N, C-alpha and C. Protein backbone atom coordinates (compact mmCIF):
# COMPACT_ATOMS: atom_id res chain seq x y z
N UNK A 1 -160.26 -174.46 93.91
CA UNK A 1 -158.98 -174.21 93.22
C UNK A 1 -158.76 -172.95 92.54
N UNK A 2 -157.80 -172.11 92.63
CA UNK A 2 -157.62 -170.80 91.82
C UNK A 2 -157.15 -170.90 90.68
N UNK A 3 -157.10 -169.79 89.89
CA UNK A 3 -156.68 -169.70 88.59
C UNK A 3 -155.27 -170.04 88.37
N UNK A 4 -154.72 -170.79 87.25
CA UNK A 4 -153.37 -171.06 87.07
C UNK A 4 -152.86 -169.87 86.40
N UNK A 5 -151.39 -169.38 87.03
CA UNK A 5 -150.61 -168.32 86.26
C UNK A 5 -150.40 -168.80 84.88
N UNK A 6 -150.80 -168.02 83.85
CA UNK A 6 -150.21 -168.41 82.38
C UNK A 6 -148.87 -168.52 82.20
N UNK A 7 -148.05 -168.15 83.01
CA UNK A 7 -146.61 -168.39 82.90
C UNK A 7 -146.26 -169.96 82.95
N UNK A 8 -147.29 -170.48 83.70
CA UNK A 8 -146.79 -172.27 83.73
C UNK A 8 -147.60 -172.94 82.64
N UNK A 9 -148.25 -172.44 81.93
CA UNK A 9 -149.01 -173.15 80.76
C UNK A 9 -148.25 -173.14 79.44
N UNK A 10 -147.97 -174.48 78.92
CA UNK A 10 -147.30 -174.54 77.75
C UNK A 10 -147.96 -174.30 76.65
N UNK A 11 -147.59 -173.73 75.34
CA UNK A 11 -148.18 -173.81 74.17
C UNK A 11 -148.13 -175.05 73.57
N UNK A 12 -149.19 -175.43 72.78
CA UNK A 12 -149.53 -176.81 72.49
C UNK A 12 -148.35 -177.61 71.68
N UNK A 13 -147.67 -176.76 70.96
CA UNK A 13 -146.49 -177.18 70.20
C UNK A 13 -145.22 -177.74 71.04
N UNK A 14 -145.29 -177.13 72.22
CA UNK A 14 -144.31 -177.63 73.20
C UNK A 14 -144.80 -178.65 74.15
N UNK A 15 -145.75 -178.94 74.32
CA UNK A 15 -146.41 -179.97 75.15
C UNK A 15 -145.95 -181.33 74.64
N UNK A 16 -145.38 -182.43 75.76
CA UNK A 16 -144.95 -183.51 75.15
C UNK A 16 -146.00 -184.31 74.54
N UNK A 17 -145.51 -185.10 73.57
CA UNK A 17 -146.49 -186.18 73.09
C UNK A 17 -146.59 -187.24 73.96
N UNK A 18 -147.74 -187.95 74.20
CA UNK A 18 -148.02 -189.08 75.13
C UNK A 18 -147.33 -190.07 74.38
N UNK A 19 -146.16 -190.60 75.23
CA UNK A 19 -145.65 -191.99 74.82
C UNK A 19 -145.06 -192.50 76.15
N UNK A 20 -144.57 -193.84 76.18
CA UNK A 20 -144.26 -194.25 77.41
C UNK A 20 -142.72 -195.00 77.04
N UNK A 21 -142.04 -194.58 77.88
CA UNK A 21 -140.59 -195.00 77.73
C UNK A 21 -140.39 -195.97 78.95
N UNK A 22 -140.06 -197.10 78.72
CA UNK A 22 -139.72 -198.00 80.00
C UNK A 22 -138.10 -198.01 80.18
N UNK A 23 -137.74 -197.47 81.38
CA UNK A 23 -136.25 -197.49 81.60
C UNK A 23 -135.78 -198.46 82.53
N UNK A 24 -134.76 -198.95 82.28
CA UNK A 24 -133.95 -199.78 83.39
C UNK A 24 -133.88 -199.55 84.76
N UNK A 25 -133.74 -198.25 84.96
CA UNK A 25 -133.79 -197.57 86.51
C UNK A 25 -132.87 -196.50 86.24
N UNK A 26 -133.01 -195.60 87.34
CA UNK A 26 -132.22 -194.51 87.43
C UNK A 26 -130.72 -194.73 87.51
N UNK A 27 -129.95 -194.01 86.95
CA UNK A 27 -128.46 -194.32 86.93
C UNK A 27 -128.04 -194.00 88.18
N UNK A 28 -127.04 -194.87 88.67
CA UNK A 28 -126.41 -194.83 90.05
C UNK A 28 -125.14 -194.49 89.86
N UNK A 29 -124.46 -193.44 90.38
CA UNK A 29 -123.02 -192.99 89.96
C UNK A 29 -122.14 -193.42 91.39
N UNK A 30 -121.37 -194.28 91.37
CA UNK A 30 -120.47 -194.69 92.79
C UNK A 30 -119.20 -193.77 92.58
N UNK A 31 -119.02 -192.91 93.60
CA UNK A 31 -118.03 -192.16 93.74
C UNK A 31 -116.95 -192.50 94.53
N UNK A 32 -116.87 -193.71 94.94
CA UNK A 32 -115.74 -194.37 95.69
C UNK A 32 -114.52 -194.27 95.10
N UNK A 33 -114.33 -194.43 93.78
CA UNK A 33 -113.06 -194.35 93.06
C UNK A 33 -112.37 -193.02 93.28
N UNK A 34 -113.14 -191.93 93.56
CA UNK A 34 -112.55 -190.62 93.62
C UNK A 34 -111.86 -190.52 94.96
N UNK A 35 -112.06 -191.39 95.99
CA UNK A 35 -111.72 -191.34 97.30
C UNK A 35 -110.34 -192.02 97.58
N UNK A 36 -109.95 -192.94 96.54
CA UNK A 36 -108.79 -193.55 96.74
C UNK A 36 -107.47 -192.99 96.35
N UNK A 37 -107.36 -192.03 95.40
CA UNK A 37 -106.26 -191.21 95.09
C UNK A 37 -106.69 -190.12 94.12
N UNK A 38 -105.92 -189.27 93.89
CA UNK A 38 -106.01 -188.14 92.97
C UNK A 38 -105.61 -188.47 91.53
N UNK A 39 -105.63 -189.83 91.11
CA UNK A 39 -105.18 -189.98 89.79
C UNK A 39 -106.30 -189.85 88.87
N UNK A 40 -105.88 -189.06 87.77
CA UNK A 40 -106.88 -188.64 86.65
C UNK A 40 -107.64 -190.00 86.36
N UNK A 41 -107.06 -191.15 86.10
CA UNK A 41 -107.79 -192.19 85.81
C UNK A 41 -109.01 -192.77 86.61
N UNK A 42 -108.77 -192.41 87.96
CA UNK A 42 -109.87 -192.62 88.87
C UNK A 42 -111.11 -191.58 88.63
N UNK A 43 -110.83 -190.54 87.83
CA UNK A 43 -112.21 -189.71 87.79
C UNK A 43 -112.75 -189.96 86.40
N UNK A 44 -112.04 -190.60 85.61
CA UNK A 44 -112.50 -190.78 84.26
C UNK A 44 -113.85 -191.78 84.13
N UNK A 45 -113.85 -192.64 84.99
CA UNK A 45 -115.36 -193.55 84.89
C UNK A 45 -116.46 -192.54 85.31
N UNK A 46 -116.37 -192.12 86.57
CA UNK A 46 -117.48 -191.55 87.27
C UNK A 46 -117.73 -190.36 86.36
N UNK A 47 -116.85 -189.52 85.88
CA UNK A 47 -117.16 -188.44 84.98
C UNK A 47 -118.05 -188.96 83.59
N UNK A 48 -117.51 -189.96 83.00
CA UNK A 48 -118.09 -190.46 81.82
C UNK A 48 -119.60 -190.99 82.25
N UNK A 49 -119.69 -191.53 83.37
CA UNK A 49 -121.13 -192.07 83.85
C UNK A 49 -122.05 -190.94 84.26
N UNK A 50 -121.40 -189.91 84.58
CA UNK A 50 -122.34 -188.58 85.10
C UNK A 50 -122.69 -187.84 83.66
N UNK A 51 -121.74 -187.84 83.02
CA UNK A 51 -122.29 -187.21 81.38
C UNK A 51 -123.22 -188.22 80.73
N UNK A 52 -123.16 -189.39 80.66
CA UNK A 52 -124.16 -190.21 80.29
C UNK A 52 -125.44 -190.19 80.78
N UNK A 53 -125.53 -190.05 82.05
CA UNK A 53 -126.76 -190.05 83.01
C UNK A 53 -127.33 -188.82 82.69
N UNK A 54 -126.55 -187.72 82.58
CA UNK A 54 -127.26 -186.13 82.38
C UNK A 54 -128.00 -186.20 80.65
N UNK A 55 -127.09 -186.87 79.88
CA UNK A 55 -127.50 -186.87 78.78
C UNK A 55 -128.77 -187.82 78.40
N UNK A 56 -128.74 -188.93 79.08
CA UNK A 56 -129.95 -189.86 78.87
C UNK A 56 -130.95 -189.69 79.71
N UNK A 57 -130.69 -189.26 80.93
CA UNK A 57 -131.76 -189.36 81.81
C UNK A 57 -132.08 -187.86 82.21
N UNK A 58 -131.02 -186.95 82.41
CA UNK A 58 -131.37 -185.83 83.19
C UNK A 58 -131.04 -185.54 84.46
N UNK A 59 -130.77 -186.75 85.12
CA UNK A 59 -130.59 -186.75 86.61
C UNK A 59 -129.98 -188.19 87.05
N UNK A 60 -129.51 -188.29 88.28
CA UNK A 60 -128.79 -189.59 88.58
C UNK A 60 -128.89 -189.53 89.99
N UNK A 61 -128.44 -190.76 90.54
CA UNK A 61 -128.28 -190.84 92.14
C UNK A 61 -126.73 -191.14 92.52
N UNK A 62 -126.24 -190.43 93.45
CA UNK A 62 -124.99 -190.76 93.88
C UNK A 62 -124.60 -191.31 94.95
N UNK A 63 -123.67 -192.36 95.15
CA UNK A 63 -123.61 -193.22 96.12
C UNK A 63 -122.13 -193.26 96.58
N UNK A 64 -121.75 -193.42 97.67
CA UNK A 64 -120.38 -193.38 98.28
C UNK A 64 -119.74 -192.24 97.94
N UNK A 65 -120.26 -191.14 98.34
CA UNK A 65 -119.91 -189.64 98.18
C UNK A 65 -119.09 -189.32 99.20
N UNK A 66 -119.21 -189.96 100.60
CA UNK A 66 -118.36 -189.42 101.68
C UNK A 66 -119.18 -188.69 102.59
N UNK A 67 -120.44 -188.18 102.18
CA UNK A 67 -121.12 -187.40 103.42
C UNK A 67 -122.05 -188.15 104.02
N UNK A 68 -121.86 -187.98 105.39
CA UNK A 68 -122.77 -188.88 106.48
C UNK A 68 -124.18 -188.85 106.22
N UNK A 69 -124.86 -189.78 106.68
CA UNK A 69 -126.25 -189.68 106.79
C UNK A 69 -126.81 -188.56 107.71
N UNK A 70 -126.01 -188.45 108.67
CA UNK A 70 -126.47 -187.42 109.71
C UNK A 70 -126.45 -186.01 108.84
N UNK A 71 -125.36 -185.80 108.33
CA UNK A 71 -125.05 -184.33 107.50
C UNK A 71 -126.08 -184.22 106.60
N UNK A 72 -126.39 -185.22 105.88
CA UNK A 72 -127.47 -185.11 104.73
C UNK A 72 -128.69 -184.71 105.21
N UNK A 73 -129.17 -185.41 106.36
CA UNK A 73 -130.47 -185.03 106.99
C UNK A 73 -130.43 -183.71 107.47
N UNK A 74 -129.61 -183.11 108.02
CA UNK A 74 -129.28 -181.82 108.55
C UNK A 74 -129.54 -180.86 107.41
N UNK A 75 -128.77 -181.16 106.25
CA UNK A 75 -128.92 -180.28 105.13
C UNK A 75 -130.25 -180.19 104.51
N UNK A 76 -131.11 -181.44 104.50
CA UNK A 76 -132.35 -181.44 104.10
C UNK A 76 -133.20 -180.75 105.05
N UNK A 77 -133.22 -180.76 106.42
CA UNK A 77 -134.14 -180.22 107.29
C UNK A 77 -133.90 -178.82 107.09
N UNK A 78 -132.72 -178.15 107.06
CA UNK A 78 -132.37 -176.77 107.02
C UNK A 78 -133.00 -176.13 105.64
N UNK A 79 -132.68 -176.98 104.66
CA UNK A 79 -133.22 -176.41 103.26
C UNK A 79 -134.68 -176.46 103.22
N UNK A 80 -135.32 -177.24 103.76
CA UNK A 80 -136.95 -177.04 103.97
C UNK A 80 -137.29 -176.08 104.64
N UNK A 81 -136.54 -175.70 105.88
CA UNK A 81 -136.96 -174.53 106.42
C UNK A 81 -136.74 -173.17 105.71
N UNK A 82 -135.50 -173.06 105.13
CA UNK A 82 -135.57 -172.08 104.06
C UNK A 82 -136.73 -171.86 103.13
N UNK A 83 -136.90 -173.06 102.20
CA UNK A 83 -137.79 -173.02 101.11
C UNK A 83 -139.22 -172.91 101.67
N UNK A 84 -139.65 -173.13 102.84
CA UNK A 84 -140.89 -172.94 103.59
C UNK A 84 -141.38 -171.44 103.96
N UNK A 85 -140.48 -170.72 103.86
CA UNK A 85 -140.52 -169.19 104.16
C UNK A 85 -141.30 -168.62 103.17
N UNK A 86 -141.90 -167.44 103.32
CA UNK A 86 -142.55 -166.71 102.38
C UNK A 86 -141.64 -166.31 101.30
N UNK A 87 -142.48 -166.12 99.95
CA UNK A 87 -141.83 -165.68 98.97
C UNK A 87 -140.98 -164.28 99.17
N UNK A 88 -141.63 -163.47 100.00
CA UNK A 88 -140.99 -162.02 100.18
C UNK A 88 -139.72 -162.50 101.01
N UNK A 89 -139.55 -163.43 101.87
CA UNK A 89 -138.23 -163.73 102.63
C UNK A 89 -137.40 -164.22 101.80
N UNK A 90 -137.62 -165.23 100.99
CA UNK A 90 -136.88 -165.92 100.05
C UNK A 90 -136.19 -164.91 99.06
N UNK A 91 -137.01 -164.08 98.45
CA UNK A 91 -136.57 -163.04 97.51
C UNK A 91 -135.67 -161.98 98.06
N UNK A 92 -135.40 -161.88 99.26
CA UNK A 92 -134.40 -160.91 99.73
C UNK A 92 -132.96 -161.20 99.62
N UNK A 93 -132.84 -162.74 99.11
CA UNK A 93 -131.59 -163.29 98.75
C UNK A 93 -131.86 -163.86 97.26
N UNK A 94 -132.47 -163.07 96.37
CA UNK A 94 -132.76 -163.51 95.12
C UNK A 94 -131.57 -163.16 94.27
N UNK A 95 -131.06 -163.95 93.43
CA UNK A 95 -130.04 -163.79 92.24
C UNK A 95 -130.54 -162.74 91.35
N UNK A 96 -129.59 -162.15 90.87
CA UNK A 96 -129.75 -161.10 89.73
C UNK A 96 -128.95 -161.29 88.67
N UNK A 97 -128.98 -160.36 87.66
CA UNK A 97 -127.98 -160.56 86.52
C UNK A 97 -126.42 -160.26 87.12
N UNK A 98 -126.27 -159.46 87.92
CA UNK A 98 -124.89 -159.28 88.44
C UNK A 98 -124.57 -160.04 89.67
N UNK A 99 -125.57 -160.46 90.62
CA UNK A 99 -125.42 -161.43 91.71
C UNK A 99 -125.87 -162.88 91.34
N UNK A 100 -125.03 -163.73 90.72
CA UNK A 100 -125.23 -164.80 90.08
C UNK A 100 -125.72 -165.87 91.08
N UNK A 101 -125.61 -165.88 92.36
CA UNK A 101 -125.79 -166.77 93.41
C UNK A 101 -126.82 -166.35 94.25
N UNK A 102 -127.88 -167.32 94.68
CA UNK A 102 -128.77 -166.97 95.57
C UNK A 102 -130.13 -167.72 95.31
N UNK A 103 -131.31 -167.35 95.65
CA UNK A 103 -132.43 -167.71 95.38
C UNK A 103 -132.99 -167.50 93.99
N UNK A 104 -133.82 -168.55 93.35
CA UNK A 104 -134.24 -168.13 92.05
C UNK A 104 -135.49 -169.07 91.93
N UNK A 105 -136.38 -168.57 91.31
CA UNK A 105 -137.76 -169.28 90.94
C UNK A 105 -138.45 -168.76 89.73
N UNK A 106 -137.57 -168.30 88.83
CA UNK A 106 -138.16 -167.92 87.45
C UNK A 106 -137.42 -168.64 86.37
N UNK A 107 -136.96 -169.58 86.45
CA UNK A 107 -136.40 -170.39 85.30
C UNK A 107 -137.46 -170.89 84.32
N UNK A 108 -137.21 -170.72 83.04
CA UNK A 108 -138.18 -171.19 82.09
C UNK A 108 -137.49 -172.27 81.20
N UNK A 109 -138.34 -173.27 80.84
CA UNK A 109 -137.85 -174.43 79.90
C UNK A 109 -138.88 -174.27 78.77
N UNK A 110 -138.41 -173.98 77.34
CA UNK A 110 -139.28 -173.86 76.31
C UNK A 110 -140.41 -172.88 76.48
N UNK A 111 -139.75 -171.67 76.92
CA UNK A 111 -140.74 -170.43 77.10
C UNK A 111 -141.83 -170.70 78.36
N UNK A 112 -141.73 -171.64 79.05
CA UNK A 112 -142.70 -172.04 80.16
C UNK A 112 -142.02 -171.74 81.35
N UNK A 113 -142.52 -170.97 82.40
CA UNK A 113 -141.75 -171.17 83.73
C UNK A 113 -141.86 -172.35 84.47
N UNK A 114 -140.70 -172.82 85.05
CA UNK A 114 -140.48 -174.12 85.78
C UNK A 114 -141.31 -174.21 87.01
N UNK A 115 -141.94 -175.14 87.54
CA UNK A 115 -142.26 -175.21 88.70
C UNK A 115 -141.21 -175.78 89.67
N UNK A 116 -140.27 -174.85 90.04
CA UNK A 116 -139.19 -175.25 90.89
C UNK A 116 -138.63 -174.06 91.54
N UNK A 117 -137.95 -174.10 92.60
CA UNK A 117 -137.36 -173.03 93.27
C UNK A 117 -135.61 -173.64 93.28
N UNK A 118 -134.82 -172.78 93.39
CA UNK A 118 -133.34 -173.17 93.39
C UNK A 118 -132.64 -172.20 94.38
N UNK A 119 -131.52 -172.49 94.98
CA UNK A 119 -130.64 -171.68 95.84
C UNK A 119 -129.33 -172.18 95.47
N UNK A 120 -128.65 -171.40 94.67
CA UNK A 120 -127.35 -171.60 94.09
C UNK A 120 -126.44 -170.88 95.01
N UNK A 121 -125.11 -171.60 95.18
CA UNK A 121 -123.96 -171.31 96.20
C UNK A 121 -122.91 -171.87 95.73
N UNK A 122 -121.66 -171.37 96.25
CA UNK A 122 -120.23 -171.92 95.88
C UNK A 122 -119.75 -172.27 97.08
N UNK A 123 -118.66 -173.09 96.99
CA UNK A 123 -117.88 -173.69 98.07
C UNK A 123 -116.83 -172.65 98.54
N UNK A 124 -116.15 -172.21 97.45
CA UNK A 124 -114.99 -171.42 97.79
C UNK A 124 -115.35 -169.87 97.50
N UNK A 125 -115.18 -169.31 98.23
CA UNK A 125 -115.51 -167.66 98.05
C UNK A 125 -114.24 -166.90 98.13
N UNK A 126 -113.93 -166.02 97.29
CA UNK A 126 -114.81 -165.82 96.01
C UNK A 126 -114.24 -166.87 95.03
N UNK A 127 -115.09 -167.36 94.24
CA UNK A 127 -114.76 -168.19 92.96
C UNK A 127 -114.61 -167.13 91.88
N UNK A 128 -113.47 -167.31 91.24
CA UNK A 128 -113.05 -166.38 90.08
C UNK A 128 -113.61 -166.92 88.86
N UNK A 129 -114.27 -166.26 87.95
CA UNK A 129 -114.74 -166.61 86.61
C UNK A 129 -114.60 -165.61 85.64
N UNK A 130 -114.50 -165.82 84.34
CA UNK A 130 -114.25 -164.87 83.23
C UNK A 130 -115.40 -163.99 83.36
N UNK A 131 -115.44 -162.77 82.94
CA UNK A 131 -116.39 -161.80 83.09
C UNK A 131 -117.49 -161.97 81.60
N UNK A 132 -117.12 -162.82 80.67
CA UNK A 132 -117.85 -163.11 79.67
C UNK A 132 -117.55 -164.64 79.07
N UNK A 133 -118.46 -165.05 78.24
CA UNK A 133 -118.35 -166.47 77.65
C UNK A 133 -117.56 -166.28 76.22
N UNK A 134 -117.43 -165.14 75.84
CA UNK A 134 -116.99 -164.92 74.46
C UNK A 134 -115.47 -165.09 74.65
N UNK A 135 -114.86 -165.83 73.54
CA UNK A 135 -113.38 -166.15 73.83
C UNK A 135 -112.62 -164.79 73.48
N UNK A 136 -111.58 -164.60 74.46
CA UNK A 136 -110.75 -163.63 74.30
C UNK A 136 -109.59 -163.59 75.14
N UNK A 137 -108.48 -163.05 74.67
CA UNK A 137 -107.23 -163.06 75.58
C UNK A 137 -107.39 -162.25 76.76
N UNK A 138 -107.92 -161.05 76.61
CA UNK A 138 -108.02 -160.07 77.77
C UNK A 138 -109.13 -160.21 78.61
N UNK A 139 -109.76 -161.15 78.98
CA UNK A 139 -110.88 -161.30 79.79
C UNK A 139 -110.56 -160.82 81.09
N UNK A 140 -111.59 -160.20 81.78
CA UNK A 140 -111.25 -159.84 83.29
C UNK A 140 -112.01 -161.05 84.06
N UNK A 141 -111.48 -161.24 85.32
CA UNK A 141 -112.04 -162.14 86.03
C UNK A 141 -112.95 -161.56 87.10
N UNK A 142 -113.98 -162.21 87.59
CA UNK A 142 -115.06 -161.59 88.32
C UNK A 142 -115.16 -162.38 89.62
N UNK A 143 -115.15 -161.97 90.88
CA UNK A 143 -115.20 -162.92 92.03
C UNK A 143 -116.76 -162.93 92.28
N UNK A 144 -117.05 -164.30 92.34
CA UNK A 144 -118.65 -164.61 92.77
C UNK A 144 -118.59 -164.85 94.25
N UNK A 145 -119.49 -164.41 94.92
CA UNK A 145 -119.61 -164.64 96.54
C UNK A 145 -120.96 -165.06 96.69
N UNK A 146 -121.06 -165.84 97.67
CA UNK A 146 -122.51 -166.23 98.23
C UNK A 146 -123.39 -165.06 98.72
N UNK A 147 -124.74 -165.15 98.63
CA UNK A 147 -125.64 -164.56 99.19
C UNK A 147 -126.47 -165.25 100.17
N UNK A 148 -126.27 -165.20 101.16
CA UNK A 148 -126.93 -166.02 102.48
C UNK A 148 -128.22 -165.29 103.04
N UNK A 149 -129.20 -166.05 103.36
CA UNK A 149 -130.33 -165.55 103.94
C UNK A 149 -130.03 -165.34 105.57
N UNK A 150 -130.81 -164.62 106.20
CA UNK A 150 -130.79 -164.43 107.81
C UNK A 150 -131.33 -165.85 108.30
N UNK A 151 -132.44 -166.21 107.71
CA UNK A 151 -132.97 -167.52 108.40
C UNK A 151 -132.88 -168.68 107.34
N UNK A 152 -132.96 -169.67 107.67
CA UNK A 152 -132.35 -170.32 109.06
C UNK A 152 -130.85 -170.17 109.14
N UNK A 153 -130.39 -169.57 110.24
CA UNK A 153 -129.07 -169.44 110.62
C UNK A 153 -128.18 -170.53 110.17
N UNK A 154 -128.39 -171.61 110.25
CA UNK A 154 -127.67 -172.88 109.79
C UNK A 154 -127.54 -173.09 108.39
N UNK A 155 -128.36 -172.40 107.72
CA UNK A 155 -128.23 -172.41 106.15
C UNK A 155 -126.96 -172.31 105.48
N UNK A 156 -126.25 -171.42 105.95
CA UNK A 156 -125.02 -170.97 105.57
C UNK A 156 -124.24 -172.25 105.78
């Protein structure tokens, strides 16, 4: 086995203390109420459940989302093809400070590089967002657009 990149090594003060927490189970969020109508009250329950799951667990499982099993399998297969490519190929669509969508593999948690890769995209292009997080009345809007790889062709 080769050397470990120091970017993946946590300082002792950031390493988790060994303890065991037994959980009831992964939170399962049922989105079926969202399909019945556009009433705000239908959104309140799932939104609260998602917030609690994020706060308490950091992740959750979604059911009754309306996406067919076949579509989910195609998405997974195509995503695996993209992430199986060489780092050089994936970085052709790397996100930057100005291009906030695309491939990314340099996220840090507690000053240590995460062992993950992501590909961020949006559904509606362009998506208009404020150019700054600072409160101001005269903010300009910036249009975010997706940065798509050439391969796999169905990734888009």
